[in-house]
């Protein structure tokens, strides 16, 4: 059994732009999850310089390079099972019944963290509704050490507050 804490970096809705602040926030991650709307294959390559990347396709990911990226994915690490998709409306299973502790998604550009039926639902991206500009935000998720006396529970999350930087223009796609 490992007693090391595992850090999982989470990002979504980059739309082809990986801000230096987001990249810096993901440093130190053991894994990085990209919850779709990647926009450019170079983003995944850049993230892979930090840690292994688990990515899914979003509604703006239509280029040839995206064909090898699944629409959903699963990361099993530290005794936890994390389900990843881009649009929560497309969720076709009951995470709690399927043994998932966490569901990570994107699409809405509104950051959210919610616990339902002992499953953590998390979206790291955001959209400024007044200016209609996107901000690429990042989260750090921490799994509990396997030797922890606490019962299994969803990951804990720490929002990187310094990622409230100048937003990029972002198309609002309804595809």
C-alpha atoms as a PDB file:
ATOM      1  CA  UNK A   1       0.000   0.000   0.000  1.00  0.00           C
ATOM      2  CA  UNK A   2       1.206   3.439  -0.863  1.00  0.00           C
ATOM      3  CA  UNK A   3       0.988   6.287   1.626  1.00  0.00           C
ATOM      4  CA  UNK A   4       1.887   8.991  -0.906  1.00  0.00           C
ATOM      5  CA  UNK A   5      -0.673  11.592  -1.820  1.00  0.00           C
ATOM      6  CA  UNK A   6      -1.508  11.611  -5.532  1.00  0.00           C
ATOM      7  CA  UNK A   7      -2.081  14.981  -7.202  1.00  0.00           C
ATOM      8  CA  UNK A   8      -4.402  15.017 -10.202  1.00  0.00           C
ATOM      9  CA  UNK A   9      -4.437  18.233 -12.236  1.00  0.00           C
ATOM     10  CA  UNK A  10      -7.727  18.983 -13.975  1.00  0.00           C
ATOM     11  CA  UNK A  11      -8.341  21.409 -16.836  1.00  0.00           C
ATOM     12  CA  UNK A  12     -10.965  21.795 -19.563  1.00  0.00           C
ATOM     13  CA  UNK A  13     -12.168  24.095 -22.306  1.00  0.00           C
ATOM     14  CA  UNK A  14      -8.755  25.412 -23.325  1.00  0.00           C
ATOM     15  CA  UNK A  15     -10.045  26.030 -26.883  1.00  0.00           C
ATOM     16  CA  UNK A  16      -6.533  25.948 -28.315  1.00  0.00           C
ATOM     17  CA  UNK A  17      -4.893  28.174 -25.705  1.00  0.00           C
ATOM     18  CA  UNK A  18      -2.930  26.939 -22.709  1.00  0.00           C
ATOM     19  CA  UNK A  19      -2.168  29.964 -20.579  1.00  0.00           C
ATOM     20  CA  UNK A  20       1.174  30.006 -18.737  1.00  0.00           C
ATOM     21  CA  UNK A  21      -0.701  30.433 -15.435  1.00  0.00           C
ATOM     22  CA  UNK A  22      -2.721  27.266 -16.037  1.00  0.00           C
ATOM     23  CA  UNK A  23       0.407  25.352 -17.074  1.00  0.00           C
ATOM     24  CA  UNK A  24       2.202  26.505 -13.916  1.00  0.00           C
ATOM     25  CA  UNK A  25      -0.764  25.528 -11.743  1.00  0.00           C
ATOM     26  CA  UNK A  26      -0.639  21.984 -13.101  1.00  0.00           C
ATOM     27  CA  UNK A  27       3.062  21.506 -12.273  1.00  0.00           C
ATOM     28  CA  UNK A  28       3.541  18.887  -9.602  1.00  0.00           C
ATOM     29  CA  UNK A  29       0.605  16.800 -10.798  1.00  0.00           C
ATOM     30  CA  UNK A  30       1.019  13.051 -10.989  1.00  0.00           C
ATOM     31  CA  UNK A  31      -1.734  12.913 -13.645  1.00  0.00           C
ATOM     32  CA  UNK A  32      -3.537  15.557 -15.693  1.00  0.00           C
ATOM     33  CA  UNK A  33      -7.141  15.246 -16.839  1.00  0.00           C
ATOM     34  CA  UNK A  34      -8.315  17.394 -19.759  1.00  0.00           C
ATOM     35  CA  UNK A  35     -12.127  17.364 -19.866  1.00  0.00           C
ATOM     36  CA  UNK A  36     -12.497  18.331 -23.521  1.00  0.00           C
ATOM     37  CA  UNK A  37     -12.629  21.272 -25.896  1.00  0.00           C
ATOM     38  CA  UNK A  38      -8.873  20.952 -26.236  1.00  0.00           C
ATOM     39  CA  UNK A  39      -8.701  22.885 -29.511  1.00  0.00           C
ATOM     40  CA  UNK A  40      -5.082  22.055 -30.439  1.00  0.00           C
ATOM     41  CA  UNK A  41      -3.021  18.852 -30.235  1.00  0.00           C
ATOM     42  CA  UNK A  42      -0.035  20.853 -28.965  1.00  0.00           C
ATOM     43  CA  UNK A  43      -1.886  21.455 -25.698  1.00  0.00           C
ATOM     44  CA  UNK A  44      -1.864  17.735 -24.899  1.00  0.00           C
ATOM     45  CA  UNK A  45       1.834  17.521 -25.809  1.00  0.00           C
ATOM     46  CA  UNK A  46       2.629  20.458 -23.545  1.00  0.00           C
ATOM     47  CA  UNK A  47       0.623  18.993 -20.652  1.00  0.00           C
ATOM     48  CA  UNK A  48       2.391  15.644 -21.142  1.00  0.00           C
ATOM     49  CA  UNK A  49       5.660  17.427 -20.273  1.00  0.00           C
ATOM     50  CA  UNK A  50       4.292  17.615 -16.715  1.00  0.00           C
ATOM     51  CA  UNK A  51       2.519  14.279 -16.264  1.00  0.00           C
ATOM     52  CA  UNK A  52       0.591  11.571 -18.102  1.00  0.00           C
ATOM     53  CA  UNK A  53      -2.545  13.087 -19.670  1.00  0.00           C
ATOM     54  CA  UNK A  54      -5.994  11.520 -19.711  1.00  0.00           C
ATOM     55  CA  UNK A  55      -8.072  13.489 -22.217  1.00  0.00           C
ATOM     56  CA  UNK A  56     -11.489  13.318 -23.778  1.00  0.00           C
ATOM     57  CA  UNK A  57     -12.942  15.012 -26.837  1.00  0.00           C
ATOM     58  CA  UNK A  58     -15.220  18.027 -26.501  1.00  0.00           C
ATOM     59  CA  UNK A  59     -17.758  19.512 -28.877  1.00  0.00           C
ATOM     60  CA  UNK A  60     -15.136  21.721 -30.590  1.00  0.00           C
ATOM     61  CA  UNK A  61     -12.646  18.872 -31.098  1.00  0.00           C
ATOM     62  CA  UNK A  62     -13.397  17.820 -34.704  1.00  0.00           C
ATOM     63  CA  UNK A  63      -9.998  17.891 -36.429  1.00  0.00           C
ATOM     64  CA  UNK A  64      -8.322  14.695 -37.633  1.00  0.00           C
ATOM     65  CA  UNK A  65      -5.971  14.536 -34.630  1.00  0.00           C
ATOM     66  CA  UNK A  66      -8.966  14.216 -32.273  1.00  0.00           C
ATOM     67  CA  UNK A  67     -10.178  10.900 -33.749  1.00  0.00           C
ATOM     68  CA  UNK A  68      -7.897   8.945 -31.406  1.00  0.00           C
ATOM     69  CA  UNK A  69      -9.277  10.742 -28.318  1.00  0.00           C
ATOM     70  CA  UNK A  70     -12.318   9.084 -26.711  1.00  0.00           C
ATOM     71  CA  UNK A  71     -15.542  10.891 -25.797  1.00  0.00           C
ATOM     72  CA  UNK A  72     -15.362   9.467 -22.273  1.00  0.00           C
ATOM     73  CA  UNK A  73     -12.529   8.048 -20.230  1.00  0.00           C
ATOM     74  CA  UNK A  74     -11.775   6.627 -16.798  1.00  0.00           C
ATOM     75  CA  UNK A  75      -8.822   7.202 -14.483  1.00  0.00           C
ATOM     76  CA  UNK A  76      -8.352   4.686 -11.697  1.00  0.00           C
ATOM     77  CA  UNK A  77      -5.759   5.818  -9.204  1.00  0.00           C
ATOM     78  CA  UNK A  78      -5.213   5.681  -5.461  1.00  0.00           C
ATOM     79  CA  UNK A  79      -8.176   3.354  -4.992  1.00  0.00           C
ATOM     80  CA  UNK A  80     -10.518   5.841  -6.680  1.00  0.00           C
ATOM     81  CA  UNK A  81     -12.321   5.640  -9.998  1.00  0.00           C
ATOM     82  CA  UNK A  82     -12.854   8.914 -11.896  1.00  0.00           C
ATOM     83  CA  UNK A  83     -15.246   9.190 -14.860  1.00  0.00           C
ATOM     84  CA  UNK A  84     -14.476  11.900 -17.431  1.00  0.00           C
ATOM     85  CA  UNK A  85     -16.779  13.352 -20.096  1.00  0.00           C
ATOM     86  CA  UNK A  86     -17.243  16.764 -21.659  1.00  0.00           C
ATOM     87  CA  UNK A  87     -20.979  17.430 -21.420  1.00  0.00           C
ATOM     88  CA  UNK A  88     -22.693  16.241 -18.246  1.00  0.00           C
ATOM     89  CA  UNK A  89     -25.995  16.045 -20.154  1.00  0.00           C
ATOM     90  CA  UNK A  90     -24.474  13.090 -22.048  1.00  0.00           C
ATOM     91  CA  UNK A  91     -23.854  11.070 -18.856  1.00  0.00           C
ATOM     92  CA  UNK A  92     -25.397   7.662 -19.583  1.00  0.00           C
ATOM     93  CA  UNK A  93     -24.692   5.859 -16.326  1.00  0.00           C
ATOM     94  CA  UNK A  94     -25.218   6.262 -12.598  1.00  0.00           C
ATOM     95  CA  UNK A  95     -21.745   7.032 -11.246  1.00  0.00           C
ATOM     96  CA  UNK A  96     -22.547   5.865  -7.711  1.00  0.00           C
ATOM     97  CA  UNK A  97     -23.919   2.540  -8.983  1.00  0.00           C
ATOM     98  CA  UNK A  98     -20.889   2.110 -11.260  1.00  0.00           C
ATOM     99  CA  UNK A  99     -18.398   2.675  -8.435  1.00  0.00           C
ATOM    100  CA  UNK A 100     -17.133   6.101  -9.506  1.00  0.00           C
ATOM    101  CA  UNK A 101     -16.103   8.500  -6.761  1.00  0.00           C
ATOM    102  CA  UNK A 102     -15.764  11.493  -9.075  1.00  0.00           C
ATOM    103  CA  UNK A 103     -17.206  12.787 -12.353  1.00  0.00           C
ATOM    104  CA  UNK A 104     -15.147  15.424 -14.137  1.00  0.00           C
ATOM    105  CA  UNK A 105     -16.642  17.371 -17.009  1.00  0.00           C
ATOM    106  CA  UNK A 106     -16.420  20.634 -18.953  1.00  0.00           C
ATOM    107  CA  UNK A 107     -18.573  22.349 -21.578  1.00  0.00           C
ATOM    108  CA  UNK A 108     -20.475  24.946 -19.533  1.00  0.00           C
ATOM    109  CA  UNK A 109     -17.448  27.130 -18.718  1.00  0.00           C
ATOM    110  CA  UNK A 110     -18.908  27.591 -15.248  1.00  0.00           C
ATOM    111  CA  UNK A 111     -16.762  26.233 -12.407  1.00  0.00           C
ATOM    112  CA  UNK A 112     -18.660  23.899 -10.150  1.00  0.00           C
ATOM    113  CA  UNK A 113     -17.972  21.433  -7.400  1.00  0.00           C
ATOM    114  CA  UNK A 114     -20.895  19.472  -6.046  1.00  0.00           C
ATOM    115  CA  UNK A 115     -21.331  16.303  -4.014  1.00  0.00           C
ATOM    116  CA  UNK A 116     -24.308  14.135  -5.036  1.00  0.00           C
ATOM    117  CA  UNK A 117     -24.885  10.599  -3.744  1.00  0.00           C
ATOM    118  CA  UNK A 118     -21.318  10.570  -2.392  1.00  0.00           C
ATOM    119  CA  UNK A 119     -19.922  11.353  -5.884  1.00  0.00           C
ATOM    120  CA  UNK A 120     -17.954  14.544  -6.485  1.00  0.00           C
ATOM    121  CA  UNK A 121     -19.000  16.376  -9.686  1.00  0.00           C
ATOM    122  CA  UNK A 122     -16.345  18.831 -10.798  1.00  0.00           C
ATOM    123  CA  UNK A 123     -15.948  21.300 -13.667  1.00  0.00           C
ATOM    124  CA  UNK A 124     -12.761  23.428 -13.652  1.00  0.00           C
ATOM    125  CA  UNK A 125     -13.475  25.890 -16.497  1.00  0.00           C
ATOM    126  CA  UNK A 126     -15.368  29.128 -16.348  1.00  0.00           C
ATOM    127  CA  UNK A 127     -17.034  31.763 -18.502  1.00  0.00           C
ATOM    128  CA  UNK A 128     -17.475  35.400 -17.577  1.00  0.00           C
ATOM    129  CA  UNK A 129     -21.148  35.855 -18.470  1.00  0.00           C
ATOM    130  CA  UNK A 130     -20.861  39.667 -18.604  1.00  0.00           C
ATOM    131  CA  UNK A 131     -17.994  39.786 -21.082  1.00  0.00           C
ATOM    132  CA  UNK A 132     -18.626  36.375 -22.722  1.00  0.00           C
ATOM    133  CA  UNK A 133     -14.940  35.589 -22.334  1.00  0.00           C
ATOM    134  CA  UNK A 134     -13.564  32.222 -21.268  1.00  0.00           C
ATOM    135  CA  UNK A 135     -11.007  31.634 -18.602  1.00  0.00           C
ATOM    136  CA  UNK A 136      -9.057  28.420 -18.571  1.00  0.00           C
ATOM    137  CA  UNK A 137      -9.031  27.362 -14.936  1.00  0.00           C
ATOM    138  CA  UNK A 138      -7.254  24.461 -13.324  1.00  0.00           C
ATOM    139  CA  UNK A 139      -7.963  22.368 -10.286  1.00  0.00           C
ATOM    140  CA  UNK A 140      -5.753  20.160  -8.188  1.00  0.00           C
ATOM    141  CA  UNK A 141      -7.381  17.023  -6.846  1.00  0.00           C
ATOM    142  CA  UNK A 142      -5.757  15.009  -4.113  1.00  0.00           C
ATOM    143  CA  UNK A 143      -6.438  11.359  -3.424  1.00  0.00           C
ATOM    144  CA  UNK A 144      -6.169  10.152   0.136  1.00  0.00           C
ATOM    145  CA  UNK A 145      -3.286   7.842   0.957  1.00  0.00           C
ATOM    146  CA  UNK A 146      -4.344   4.203   0.755  1.00  0.00           C
ATOM    147  CA  UNK A 147      -3.251   3.795   4.376  1.00  0.00           C
ATOM    148  CA  UNK A 148      -5.683   6.478   5.538  1.00  0.00           C
ATOM    149  CA  UNK A 149      -8.007   5.368   8.348  1.00  0.00           C
ATOM    150  CA  UNK A 150     -10.788   7.486   6.842  1.00  0.00           C
ATOM    151  CA  UNK A 151     -13.461   5.706   4.796  1.00  0.00           C
ATOM    152  CA  UNK A 152     -13.210   6.022   0.995  1.00  0.00           C
ATOM    153  CA  UNK A 153     -14.687   9.307  -0.164  1.00  0.00           C
ATOM    154  CA  UNK A 154     -14.484  11.658  -3.133  1.00  0.00           C
ATOM    155  CA  UNK A 155     -11.304  13.558  -3.797  1.00  0.00           C
ATOM    156  CA  UNK A 156     -10.733  16.854  -2.081  1.00  0.00           C
ATOM    157  CA  UNK A 157     -10.278  19.859  -4.331  1.00  0.00           C
ATOM    158  CA  UNK A 158      -8.304  23.077  -4.028  1.00  0.00           C
ATOM    159  CA  UNK A 159      -9.203  25.749  -6.570  1.00  0.00           C
ATOM    160  CA  UNK A 160      -6.172  27.658  -7.787  1.00  0.00           C
ATOM    161  CA  UNK A 161      -7.350  31.189  -7.040  1.00  0.00           C
ATOM    162  CA  UNK A 162      -4.463  32.803  -8.906  1.00  0.00           C
ATOM    163  CA  UNK A 163      -5.909  31.567 -12.183  1.00  0.00           C
ATOM    164  CA  UNK A 164      -8.330  34.477 -12.306  1.00  0.00           C
ATOM    165  CA  UNK A 165      -6.273  36.143 -15.020  1.00  0.00           C
ATOM    166  CA  UNK A 166      -7.094  38.099 -18.159  1.00  0.00           C
ATOM    167  CA  UNK A 167      -9.622  35.957 -20.019  1.00  0.00           C
ATOM    168  CA  UNK A 168      -9.268  34.918 -23.630  1.00  0.00           C
ATOM    169  CA  UNK A 169     -11.987  35.352 -26.202  1.00  0.00           C
ATOM    170  CA  UNK A 170     -13.903  32.149 -26.580  1.00  0.00           C
ATOM    171  CA  UNK A 171     -16.597  31.171 -29.081  1.00  0.00           C
ATOM    172  CA  UNK A 172     -19.830  29.952 -27.550  1.00  0.00           C
ATOM    173  CA  UNK A 173     -20.452  26.836 -29.586  1.00  0.00           C
ATOM    174  CA  UNK A 174     -23.735  24.994 -29.533  1.00  0.00           C
ATOM    175  CA  UNK A 175     -22.451  22.060 -31.614  1.00  0.00           C
END
